[in-house]
Amino acid sequence: MNIPELKYNEAGLIPCIVQDADTGAVLMMAWMSAESLALTLERGETVFFSRSRQELWHKGATSGNTQKLVDLRYDCDGDTLLALVNPAGPACHTGARTCFYRSMTEE
């Protein structure tokens, strides 16, 4: 899918914030390529691009913690995506519900 307003970085990637569609909790951030974006829309589940492995990554393919796509939006500048999902389990590889479980301001 080609959306001309989208602005990918020099590596051909765009950040995607993943949010629980029901609770509003921010679950994770990952990178998408044009191919992973198209696959996400086609499959109805999130597919990202792993920068460390340099390959596509279907979230939950091995863990079962998939993310069913409810809506996929882009911001006013076209440089960030927001995926609203129904998660089938924790988003974080640590087993935490969200990757954002550590606070820098709480004591």
PDB file of N, CA and C in Angstrom:
ATOM      1  N   MET A   1       0.847  -1.183   0.000  1.00  0.00           N
ATOM      2  CA  MET A   1       0.000   0.000   0.000  1.00  0.00           C
ATOM      3  C   MET A   1       0.883   1.233   0.000  1.00  0.00           C
ATOM      4  N   ASN A   2       0.599   2.129  -0.891  1.00  0.00           N
ATOM      5  CA  ASN A   2       1.393   3.346  -1.001  1.00  0.00           C
ATOM      6  C   ASN A   2       0.561   4.540  -0.552  1.00  0.00           C
ATOM      7  N   ILE A   3       0.921   5.090   0.597  1.00  0.00           N
ATOM      8  CA  ILE A   3       0.276   6.303   1.094  1.00  0.00           C
ATOM      9  C   ILE A   3       1.317   7.408   0.963  1.00  0.00           C
ATOM     10  N   PRO A   4       1.149   8.304   0.002  1.00  0.00           N
ATOM     11  CA  PRO A   4       2.184   9.304  -0.272  1.00  0.00           C
ATOM     12  C   PRO A   4       2.516  10.218   0.896  1.00  0.00           C
ATOM     13  N   GLU A   5       1.579  10.393   1.825  1.00  0.00           N
ATOM     14  CA  GLU A   5       1.831  11.273   2.970  1.00  0.00           C
ATOM     15  C   GLU A   5       2.798  10.680   3.985  1.00  0.00           C
ATOM     16  N   LEU A   6       3.027   9.364   3.934  1.00  0.00           N
ATOM     17  CA  LEU A   6       3.909   8.730   4.905  1.00  0.00           C
ATOM     18  C   LEU A   6       5.365   9.063   4.627  1.00  0.00           C
ATOM     19  N   LYS A   7       6.089   9.347   5.699  1.00  0.00           N
ATOM     20  CA  LYS A   7       7.498   9.717   5.590  1.00  0.00           C
ATOM     21  C   LYS A   7       8.338   8.663   6.304  1.00  0.00           C
ATOM     22  N   TYR A   8       8.995   7.823   5.527  1.00  0.00           N
ATOM     23  CA  TYR A   8       9.881   6.803   6.067  1.00  0.00           C
ATOM     24  C   TYR A   8      11.265   7.407   6.287  1.00  0.00           C
ATOM     25  N   ASN A   9      12.015   6.873   7.243  1.00  0.00           N
ATOM     26  CA  ASN A   9      13.373   7.382   7.473  1.00  0.00           C
ATOM     27  C   ASN A   9      14.325   6.873   6.399  1.00  0.00           C
ATOM     28  N   GLU A  10      15.604   7.221   6.534  1.00  0.00           N
ATOM     29  CA  GLU A  10      16.598   6.853   5.519  1.00  0.00           C
ATOM     30  C   GLU A  10      16.762   5.343   5.362  1.00  0.00           C
ATOM     31  N   ALA A  11      16.341   4.566   6.359  1.00  0.00           N
ATOM     32  CA  ALA A  11      16.397   3.103   6.292  1.00  0.00           C
ATOM     33  C   ALA A  11      15.099   2.518   5.717  1.00  0.00           C
ATOM     34  N   GLY A  12      14.165   3.389   5.358  1.00  0.00           N
ATOM     35  CA  GLY A  12      12.898   2.928   4.802  1.00  0.00           C
ATOM     36  C   GLY A  12      11.912   2.456   5.861  1.00  0.00           C
ATOM     37  N   LEU A  13      12.058   2.987   7.087  1.00  0.00           N
ATOM     38  CA  LEU A  13      11.212   2.562   8.203  1.00  0.00           C
ATOM     39  C   LEU A  13      10.450   3.736   8.798  1.00  0.00           C
ATOM     40  N   ILE A  14       9.351   3.407   9.459  1.00  0.00           N
ATOM     41  CA  ILE A  14       8.534   4.403  10.136  1.00  0.00           C
ATOM     42  C   ILE A  14       8.163   3.835  11.512  1.00  0.00           C
ATOM     43  N   PRO A  15       8.234   4.653  12.579  1.00  0.00           N
ATOM     44  CA  PRO A  15       7.868   4.132  13.903  1.00  0.00           C
ATOM     45  C   PRO A  15       6.365   3.909  14.014  1.00  0.00           C
ATOM     46  N   CYS A  16       6.014   2.845  14.752  1.00  0.00           N
ATOM     47  CA  CYS A  16       4.612   2.525  14.975  1.00  0.00           C
ATOM     48  C   CYS A  16       4.385   2.319  16.468  1.00  0.00           C
ATOM     49  N   ILE A  17       3.550   3.156  17.043  1.00  0.00           N
ATOM     50  CA  ILE A  17       3.133   3.012  18.433  1.00  0.00           C
ATOM     51  C   ILE A  17       1.954   2.043  18.435  1.00  0.00           C
ATOM     52  N   VAL A  18       1.984   1.066  19.345  1.00  0.00           N
ATOM     53  CA  VAL A  18       0.900   0.087  19.437  1.00  0.00           C
ATOM     54  C   VAL A  18       0.138   0.342  20.734  1.00  0.00           C
ATOM     55  N   GLN A  19      -1.162   0.514  20.605  1.00  0.00           N
ATOM     56  CA  GLN A  19      -2.019   0.867  21.731  1.00  0.00           C
ATOM     57  C   GLN A  19      -3.176  -0.127  21.826  1.00  0.00           C
ATOM     58  N   ASP A  20      -3.521  -0.527  23.046  1.00  0.00           N
ATOM     59  CA  ASP A  20      -4.666  -1.402  23.273  1.00  0.00           C
ATOM     60  C   ASP A  20      -5.934  -0.632  22.914  1.00  0.00           C
ATOM     61  N   ALA A  21      -6.706  -1.149  21.987  1.00  0.00           N
ATOM     62  CA  ALA A  21      -7.901  -0.455  21.514  1.00  0.00           C
ATOM     63  C   ALA A  21      -8.967  -0.327  22.596  1.00  0.00           C
ATOM     64  N   ASP A  22      -8.987  -1.252  23.548  1.00  0.00           N
ATOM     65  CA  ASP A  22     -10.014  -1.218  24.591  1.00  0.00           C
ATOM     66  C   ASP A  22      -9.620  -0.366  25.791  1.00  0.00           C
ATOM     67  N   THR A  23      -8.372  -0.482  26.243  1.00  0.00           N
ATOM     68  CA  THR A  23      -7.963   0.211  27.466  1.00  0.00           C
ATOM     69  C   THR A  23      -7.232   1.523  27.207  1.00  0.00           C
ATOM     70  N   GLY A  24      -6.689   1.694  26.007  1.00  0.00           N
ATOM     71  CA  GLY A  24      -5.902   2.879  25.704  1.00  0.00           C
ATOM     72  C   GLY A  24      -4.452   2.773  26.146  1.00  0.00           C
ATOM     73  N   ALA A  25      -4.072   1.666  26.776  1.00  0.00           N
ATOM     74  CA  ALA A  25      -2.689   1.494  27.236  1.00  0.00           C
ATOM     75  C   ALA A  25      -1.737   1.434  26.049  1.00  0.00           C
ATOM     76  N   VAL A  26      -0.624   2.145  26.160  1.00  0.00           N
ATOM     77  CA  VAL A  26       0.420   2.073  25.141  1.00  0.00           C
ATOM     78  C   VAL A  26       1.195   0.789  25.402  1.00  0.00           C
ATOM     79  N   LEU A  27       1.209  -0.111  24.440  1.00  0.00           N
ATOM     80  CA  LEU A  27       1.800  -1.427  24.618  1.00  0.00           C
ATOM     81  C   LEU A  27       3.259  -1.497  24.203  1.00  0.00           C
ATOM     82  N   MET A  28       3.595  -0.900  23.081  1.00  0.00           N
ATOM     83  CA  MET A  28       4.953  -1.022  22.567  1.00  0.00           C
ATOM     84  C   MET A  28       5.177  -0.040  21.425  1.00  0.00           C
ATOM     85  N   MET A  29       6.410   0.036  20.996  1.00  0.00           N
ATOM     86  CA  MET A  29       6.788   0.774  19.793  1.00  0.00           C
ATOM     87  C   MET A  29       7.662  -0.151  18.971  1.00  0.00           C
ATOM     88  N   ALA A  30       7.422  -0.201  17.686  1.00  0.00           N
ATOM     89  CA  ALA A  30       8.243  -1.006  16.783  1.00  0.00           C
ATOM     90  C   ALA A  30       8.297  -0.289  15.438  1.00  0.00           C
ATOM     91  N   TRP A  31       9.146  -0.781  14.567  1.00  0.00           N
ATOM     92  CA  TRP A  31       9.332  -0.164  13.259  1.00  0.00           C
ATOM     93  C   TRP A  31       8.569  -0.926  12.190  1.00  0.00           C
ATOM     94  N   MET A  32       8.047  -0.196  11.222  1.00  0.00           N
ATOM     95  CA  MET A  32       7.394  -0.801  10.065  1.00  0.00           C
ATOM     96  C   MET A  32       8.076  -0.334   8.793  1.00  0.00           C
ATOM     97  N   SER A  33       8.154  -1.250   7.855  1.00  0.00           N
ATOM     98  CA  SER A  33       8.578  -0.925   6.493  1.00  0.00           C
ATOM     99  C   SER A  33       7.306  -0.861   5.647  1.00  0.00           C
ATOM    100  N   ALA A  34       7.423  -0.438   4.417  1.00  0.00           N
ATOM    101  CA  ALA A  34       6.250  -0.411   3.540  1.00  0.00           C
ATOM    102  C   ALA A  34       5.673  -1.818   3.394  1.00  0.00           C
ATOM    103  N   GLU A  35       6.542  -2.821   3.345  1.00  0.00           N
ATOM    104  CA  GLU A  35       6.090  -4.207   3.215  1.00  0.00           C
ATOM    105  C   GLU A  35       5.368  -4.684   4.474  1.00  0.00           C
ATOM    106  N   SER A  36       5.919  -4.389   5.654  1.00  0.00           N
ATOM    107  CA  SER A  36       5.255  -4.832   6.886  1.00  0.00           C
ATOM    108  C   SER A  36       3.936  -4.098   7.093  1.00  0.00           C
ATOM    109  N   LEU A  37       3.866  -2.850   6.675  1.00  0.00           N
ATOM    110  CA  LEU A  37       2.614  -2.092   6.741  1.00  0.00           C
ATOM    111  C   LEU A  37       1.555  -2.762   5.866  1.00  0.00           C
ATOM    112  N   ALA A  38       1.929  -3.111   4.648  1.00  0.00           N
ATOM    113  CA  ALA A  38       0.990  -3.764   3.734  1.00  0.00           C
ATOM    114  C   ALA A  38       0.536  -5.118   4.291  1.00  0.00           C
ATOM    115  N   LEU A  39       1.464  -5.876   4.864  1.00  0.00           N
ATOM    116  CA  LEU A  39       1.121  -7.180   5.435  1.00  0.00           C
ATOM    117  C   LEU A  39       0.214  -7.035   6.652  1.00  0.00           C
ATOM    118  N   THR A  40       0.454  -6.010   7.458  1.00  0.00           N
ATOM    119  CA  THR A  40      -0.399  -5.740   8.615  1.00  0.00           C
ATOM    120  C   THR A  40      -1.832  -5.504   8.175  1.00  0.00           C
ATOM    121  N   LEU A  41      -2.004  -4.681   7.161  1.00  0.00           N
ATOM    122  CA  LEU A  41      -3.340  -4.377   6.661  1.00  0.00           C
ATOM    123  C   LEU A  41      -3.978  -5.610   6.013  1.00  0.00           C
ATOM    124  N   GLU A  42      -3.183  -6.388   5.316  1.00  0.00           N
ATOM    125  CA  GLU A  42      -3.680  -7.593   4.634  1.00  0.00           C
ATOM    126  C   GLU A  42      -4.092  -8.686   5.626  1.00  0.00           C
ATOM    127  N   ARG A  43      -3.256  -8.929   6.642  1.00  0.00           N
ATOM    128  CA  ARG A  43      -3.491 -10.017   7.595  1.00  0.00           C
ATOM    129  C   ARG A  43      -4.422  -9.646   8.740  1.00  0.00           C
ATOM    130  N   GLY A  44      -4.482  -8.338   9.044  1.00  0.00           N
ATOM    131  CA  GLY A  44      -5.283  -7.919  10.180  1.00  0.00           C
ATOM    132  C   GLY A  44      -4.599  -8.171  11.509  1.00  0.00           C
ATOM    133  N   GLU A  45      -3.284  -8.408  11.481  1.00  0.00           N
ATOM    134  CA  GLU A  45      -2.443  -8.566  12.666  1.00  0.00           C
ATOM    135  C   GLU A  45      -1.148  -7.807  12.414  1.00  0.00           C
ATOM    136  N   THR A  46      -0.512  -7.346  13.496  1.00  0.00           N
ATOM    137  CA  THR A  46       0.679  -6.524  13.322  1.00  0.00           C
ATOM    138  C   THR A  46       1.865  -7.329  12.805  1.00  0.00           C
ATOM    139  N   VAL A  47       2.542  -6.720  11.848  1.00  0.00           N
ATOM    140  CA  VAL A  47       3.795  -7.230  11.291  1.00  0.00           C
ATOM    141  C   VAL A  47       4.765  -6.052  11.289  1.00  0.00           C
ATOM    142  N   PHE A  48       5.937  -6.266  11.840  1.00  0.00           N
ATOM    143  CA  PHE A  48       6.924  -5.195  11.956  1.00  0.00           C
ATOM    144  C   PHE A  48       8.194  -5.567  11.204  1.00  0.00           C
ATOM    145  N   PHE A  49       9.157  -4.644  11.219  1.00  0.00           N
ATOM    146  CA  PHE A  49      10.469  -4.923  10.663  1.00  0.00           C
ATOM    147  C   PHE A  49      11.474  -4.898  11.806  1.00  0.00           C
ATOM    148  N   SER A  50      12.160  -6.008  12.009  1.00  0.00           N
ATOM    149  CA  SER A  50      13.167  -6.103  13.062  1.00  0.00           C
ATOM    150  C   SER A  50      14.480  -5.518  12.555  1.00  0.00           C
ATOM    151  N   ARG A  51      14.915  -4.448  13.185  1.00  0.00           N
ATOM    152  CA  ARG A  51      16.178  -3.824  12.779  1.00  0.00           C
ATOM    153  C   ARG A  51      17.368  -4.699  13.144  1.00  0.00           C
ATOM    154  N   SER A  52      17.290  -5.413  14.272  1.00  0.00           N
ATOM    155  CA  SER A  52      18.424  -6.249  14.692  1.00  0.00           C
ATOM    156  C   SER A  52      18.576  -7.480  13.806  1.00  0.00           C
ATOM    157  N   ARG A  53      17.458  -8.056  13.373  1.00  0.00           N
ATOM    158  CA  ARG A  53      17.532  -9.249  12.523  1.00  0.00           C
ATOM    159  C   ARG A  53      17.428  -8.927  11.035  1.00  0.00           C
ATOM    160  N   GLN A  54      17.071  -7.663  10.733  1.00  0.00           N
ATOM    161  CA  GLN A  54      16.905  -7.229   9.342  1.00  0.00           C
ATOM    162  C   GLN A  54      15.919  -8.117   8.585  1.00  0.00           C
ATOM    163  N   GLU A  55      14.745  -8.347   9.241  1.00  0.00           N
ATOM    164  CA  GLU A  55      13.714  -9.163   8.602  1.00  0.00           C
ATOM    165  C   GLU A  55      12.338  -8.795   9.141  1.00  0.00           C
ATOM    166  N   LEU A  56      11.310  -9.228   8.420  1.00  0.00           N
ATOM    167  CA  LEU A  56       9.945  -9.016   8.867  1.00  0.00           C
ATOM    168  C   LEU A  56       9.685  -9.836  10.123  1.00  0.00           C
ATOM    169  N   TRP A  57       8.795  -9.323  10.960  1.00  0.00           N
ATOM    170  CA  TRP A  57       8.509  -9.937  12.242  1.00  0.00           C
ATOM    171  C   TRP A  57       7.005  -9.864  12.487  1.00  0.00           C
ATOM    172  N   HIS A  58       6.331 -11.009  12.400  1.00  0.00           N
ATOM    173  CA  HIS A  58       4.898 -11.097  12.689  1.00  0.00           C
ATOM    174  C   HIS A  58       4.750 -11.241  14.190  1.00  0.00           C
ATOM    175  N   LYS A  59       4.266 -10.195  14.857  1.00  0.00           N
ATOM    176  CA  LYS A  59       4.158 -10.175  16.315  1.00  0.00           C
ATOM    177  C   LYS A  59       3.318 -11.353  16.791  1.00  0.00           C
ATOM    178  N   GLY A  60       3.914 -12.172  17.654  1.00  0.00           N
ATOM    179  CA  GLY A  60       3.208 -13.311  18.232  1.00  0.00           C
ATOM    180  C   GLY A  60       3.315 -14.595  17.435  1.00  0.00           C
ATOM    181  N   ALA A  61       4.060 -14.590  16.333  1.00  0.00           N
ATOM    182  CA  ALA A  61       4.172 -15.787  15.499  1.00  0.00           C
ATOM    183  C   ALA A  61       4.731 -16.972  16.289  1.00  0.00           C
ATOM    184  N   THR A  62       5.666 -16.718  17.195  1.00  0.00           N
ATOM    185  CA  THR A  62       6.224 -17.810  17.998  1.00  0.00           C
ATOM    186  C   THR A  62       5.631 -17.856  19.398  1.00  0.00           C
ATOM    187  N   SER A  63       5.290 -16.715  19.978  1.00  0.00           N
ATOM    188  CA  SER A  63       4.783 -16.671  21.357  1.00  0.00           C
ATOM    189  C   SER A  63       3.273 -16.871  21.447  1.00  0.00           C
ATOM    190  N   GLY A  64       2.566 -16.613  20.369  1.00  0.00           N
ATOM    191  CA  GLY A  64       1.108 -16.650  20.402  1.00  0.00           C
ATOM    192  C   GLY A  64       0.489 -15.337  20.848  1.00  0.00           C
ATOM    193  N   ASN A  65       1.324 -14.375  21.227  1.00  0.00           N
ATOM    194  CA  ASN A  65       0.852 -13.069  21.699  1.00  0.00           C
ATOM    195  C   ASN A  65       0.632 -12.121  20.519  1.00  0.00           C
ATOM    196  N   THR A  66      -0.278 -12.490  19.662  1.00  0.00           N
ATOM    197  CA  THR A  66      -0.555 -11.696  18.471  1.00  0.00           C
ATOM    198  C   THR A  66      -1.319 -10.426  18.835  1.00  0.00           C
ATOM    199  N   GLN A  67      -1.398  -9.535  17.865  1.00  0.00           N
ATOM    200  CA  GLN A  67      -2.133  -8.283  18.047  1.00  0.00           C
ATOM    201  C   GLN A  67      -3.087  -8.120  16.869  1.00  0.00           C
ATOM    202  N   LYS A  68      -4.376  -8.298  17.136  1.00  0.00           N
ATOM    203  CA  LYS A  68      -5.393  -8.153  16.098  1.00  0.00           C
ATOM    204  C   LYS A  68      -5.617  -6.669  15.832  1.00  0.00           C
ATOM    205  N   LEU A  69      -5.468  -6.282  14.592  1.00  0.00           N
ATOM    206  CA  LEU A  69      -5.579  -4.876  14.202  1.00  0.00           C
ATOM    207  C   LEU A  69      -7.034  -4.414  14.226  1.00  0.00           C
ATOM    208  N   VAL A  70      -7.282  -3.324  14.934  1.00  0.00           N
ATOM    209  CA  VAL A  70      -8.595  -2.684  14.960  1.00  0.00           C
ATOM    210  C   VAL A  70      -8.584  -1.480  14.019  1.00  0.00           C
ATOM    211  N   ASP A  71      -7.510  -0.704  14.084  1.00  0.00           N
ATOM    212  CA  ASP A  71      -7.369   0.479  13.231  1.00  0.00           C
ATOM    213  C   ASP A  71      -5.892   0.813  13.114  1.00  0.00           C
ATOM    214  N   LEU A  72      -5.501   1.384  12.006  1.00  0.00           N
ATOM    215  CA  LEU A  72      -4.127   1.840  11.801  1.00  0.00           C
ATOM    216  C   LEU A  72      -4.198   3.279  11.318  1.00  0.00           C
ATOM    217  N   ARG A  73      -3.593   4.169  12.077  1.00  0.00           N
ATOM    218  CA  ARG A  73      -3.667   5.604  11.796  1.00  0.00           C
ATOM    219  C   ARG A  73      -2.270   6.169  11.595  1.00  0.00           C
ATOM    220  N   TYR A  74      -2.204   7.350  10.997  1.00  0.00           N
ATOM    221  CA  TYR A  74      -0.923   8.061  10.911  1.00  0.00           C
ATOM    222  C   TYR A  74      -1.122   9.495  11.369  1.00  0.00           C
ATOM    223  N   ASP A  75      -0.031  10.075  11.904  1.00  0.00           N
ATOM    224  CA  ASP A  75      -0.130  11.406  12.508  1.00  0.00           C
ATOM    225  C   ASP A  75      -0.144  12.504  11.456  1.00  0.00           C
ATOM    226  N   CYS A  76      -0.316  13.725  11.927  1.00  0.00           N
ATOM    227  CA  CYS A  76      -0.460  14.884  11.041  1.00  0.00           C
ATOM    228  C   CYS A  76       0.764  15.136  10.178  1.00  0.00           C
ATOM    229  N   ASP A  77       1.950  14.741  10.652  1.00  0.00           N
ATOM    230  CA  ASP A  77       3.171  14.918   9.870  1.00  0.00           C
ATOM    231  C   ASP A  77       3.460  13.734   8.956  1.00  0.00           C
ATOM    232  N   GLY A  78       2.734  12.636   9.147  1.00  0.00           N
ATOM    233  CA  GLY A  78       2.931  11.445   8.321  1.00  0.00           C
ATOM    234  C   GLY A  78       4.198  10.683   8.661  1.00  0.00           C
ATOM    235  N   ASP A  79       4.768  10.931   9.864  1.00  0.00           N
ATOM    236  CA  ASP A  79       6.032  10.272  10.195  1.00  0.00           C
ATOM    237  C   ASP A  79       5.942   9.290  11.364  1.00  0.00           C
ATOM    238  N   THR A  80       4.719   9.020  11.835  1.00  0.00           N
ATOM    239  CA  THR A  80       4.514   8.052  12.904  1.00  0.00           C
ATOM    240  C   THR A  80       3.161   7.379  12.709  1.00  0.00           C
ATOM    241  N   LEU A  81       3.138   6.069  12.943  1.00  0.00           N
ATOM    242  CA  LEU A  81       1.907   5.299  12.852  1.00  0.00           C
ATOM    243  C   LEU A  81       1.387   4.983  14.253  1.00  0.00           C
ATOM    244  N   LEU A  82       0.091   4.764  14.350  1.00  0.00           N
ATOM    245  CA  LEU A  82      -0.552   4.333  15.585  1.00  0.00           C
ATOM    246  C   LEU A  82      -1.420   3.136  15.243  1.00  0.00           C
ATOM    247  N   ALA A  83      -1.068   1.975  15.821  1.00  0.00           N
ATOM    248  CA  ALA A  83      -1.855   0.763  15.612  1.00  0.00           C
ATOM    249  C   ALA A  83      -2.714   0.530  16.846  1.00  0.00           C
ATOM    250  N   LEU A  84      -4.009   0.523  16.666  1.00  0.00           N
ATOM    251  CA  LEU A  84      -4.940   0.182  17.731  1.00  0.00           C
ATOM    252  C   LEU A  84      -5.237  -1.302  17.583  1.00  0.00           C
ATOM    253  N   VAL A  85      -4.990  -2.062  18.652  1.00  0.00           N
ATOM    254  CA  VAL A  85      -5.052  -3.514  18.558  1.00  0.00           C
ATOM    255  C   VAL A  85      -5.825  -4.141  19.714  1.00  0.00           C
ATOM    256  N   ASN A  86      -6.228  -5.376  19.508  1.00  0.00           N
ATOM    257  CA  ASN A  86      -6.710  -6.236  20.577  1.00  0.00           C
ATOM    258  C   ASN A  86      -5.624  -7.280  20.791  1.00  0.00           C
ATOM    259  N   PRO A  87      -4.853  -7.154  21.886  1.00  0.00           N
ATOM    260  CA  PRO A  87      -3.733  -8.067  22.109  1.00  0.00           C
ATOM    261  C   PRO A  87      -4.208  -9.420  22.635  1.00  0.00           C
ATOM    262  N   ALA A  88      -3.520 -10.489  22.199  1.00  0.00           N
ATOM    263  CA  ALA A  88      -3.842 -11.844  22.652  1.00  0.00           C
ATOM    264  C   ALA A  88      -2.947 -12.256  23.811  1.00  0.00           C
ATOM    265  N   GLY A  89      -2.180 -11.330  24.344  1.00  0.00           N
ATOM    266  CA  GLY A  89      -1.279 -11.611  25.451  1.00  0.00           C
ATOM    267  C   GLY A  89      -0.374 -10.425  25.669  1.00  0.00           C
ATOM    268  N   PRO A  90       0.666 -10.607  26.485  1.00  0.00           N
ATOM    269  CA  PRO A  90       1.579  -9.502  26.760  1.00  0.00           C
ATOM    270  C   PRO A  90       2.280  -9.016  25.491  1.00  0.00           C
ATOM    271  N   ALA A  91       2.554  -7.722  25.460  1.00  0.00           N
ATOM    272  CA  ALA A  91       3.244  -7.142  24.312  1.00  0.00           C
ATOM    273  C   ALA A  91       4.759  -7.257  24.441  1.00  0.00           C
ATOM    274  N   CYS A  92       5.253  -7.230  25.664  1.00  0.00           N
ATOM    275  CA  CYS A  92       6.696  -7.176  25.901  1.00  0.00           C
ATOM    276  C   CYS A  92       7.318  -8.570  25.922  1.00  0.00           C
ATOM    277  N   HIS A  93       8.539  -8.662  25.387  1.00  0.00           N
ATOM    278  CA  HIS A  93       9.254  -9.943  25.394  1.00  0.00           C
ATOM    279  C   HIS A  93       9.610 -10.396  26.811  1.00  0.00           C
ATOM    280  N   THR A  94       9.507  -9.481  27.795  1.00  0.00           N
ATOM    281  CA  THR A  94       9.790  -9.833  29.198  1.00  0.00           C
ATOM    282  C   THR A  94       8.591 -10.523  29.851  1.00  0.00           C
ATOM    283  N   GLY A  95       7.454 -10.497  29.163  1.00  0.00           N
ATOM    284  CA  GLY A  95       6.228 -11.041  29.728  1.00  0.00           C
ATOM    285  C   GLY A  95       5.327  -9.979  30.325  1.00  0.00           C
ATOM    286  N   ALA A  96       5.803  -8.740  30.361  1.00  0.00           N
ATOM    287  CA  ALA A  96       4.987  -7.629  30.873  1.00  0.00           C
ATOM    288  C   ALA A  96       3.905  -7.287  29.843  1.00  0.00           C
ATOM    289  N   ARG A  97       2.777  -6.823  30.331  1.00  0.00           N
ATOM    290  CA  ARG A  97       1.652  -6.463  29.457  1.00  0.00           C
ATOM    291  C   ARG A  97       2.045  -5.388  28.447  1.00  0.00           C
ATOM    292  N   THR A  98       2.868  -4.442  28.888  1.00  0.00           N
ATOM    293  CA  THR A  98       3.339  -3.347  28.047  1.00  0.00           C
ATOM    294  C   THR A  98       4.853  -3.239  28.161  1.00  0.00           C
ATOM    295  N   CYS A  99       5.479  -2.756  27.127  1.00  0.00           N
ATOM    296  CA  CYS A  99       6.930  -2.534  27.181  1.00  0.00           C
ATOM    297  C   CYS A  99       7.276  -1.323  28.044  1.00  0.00           C
ATOM    298  N   PHE A 100       6.282  -0.488  28.326  1.00  0.00           N
ATOM    299  CA  PHE A 100       6.505   0.748  29.090  1.00  0.00           C
ATOM    300  C   PHE A 100       6.114   0.551  30.550  1.00  0.00           C
ATOM    301  N   TYR A 101       6.760  -0.381  31.222  1.00  0.00           N
ATOM    302  CA  TYR A 101       6.431  -0.691  32.612  1.00  0.00           C
ATOM    303  C   TYR A 101       7.407  -0.077  33.607  1.00  0.00           C
ATOM    304  N   ARG A 102       8.455   0.578  33.130  1.00  0.00           N
ATOM    305  CA  ARG A 102       9.439   1.198  34.036  1.00  0.00           C
ATOM    306  C   ARG A 102       9.264   2.708  34.036  1.00  0.00           C
ATOM    307  N   SER A 103       9.258   3.291  35.240  1.00  0.00           N
ATOM    308  CA  SER A 103       9.082   4.727  35.396  1.00  0.00           C
ATOM    309  C   SER A 103      10.398   5.388  35.777  1.00  0.00           C
ATOM    310  N   MET A 104      10.645   6.542  35.235  1.00  0.00           N
ATOM    311  CA  MET A 104      11.822   7.331  35.600  1.00  0.00           C
ATOM    312  C   MET A 104      11.499   8.357  36.671  1.00  0.00           C
ATOM    313  N   THR A 105      10.204   8.528  36.990  1.00  0.00           N
ATOM    314  CA  THR A 105       9.835   9.553  37.967  1.00  0.00           C
ATOM    315  C   THR A 105       9.244   8.998  39.245  1.00  0.00           C
ATOM    316  N   GLU A 106       8.763   7.753  39.223  1.00  0.00           N
ATOM    317  CA  GLU A 106       8.222   7.170  40.451  1.00  0.00           C
ATOM    318  C   GLU A 106       9.345   6.692  41.335  1.00  0.00           C
ATOM    319  N   GLU A 107       9.150   6.854  42.646  1.00  0.00           N
ATOM    320  CA  GLU A 107      10.176   6.409  43.591  1.00  0.00           C
ATOM    321  C   GLU A 107       9.827   5.042  44.111  1.00  0.00           C
TER     322      GLU A 107
END
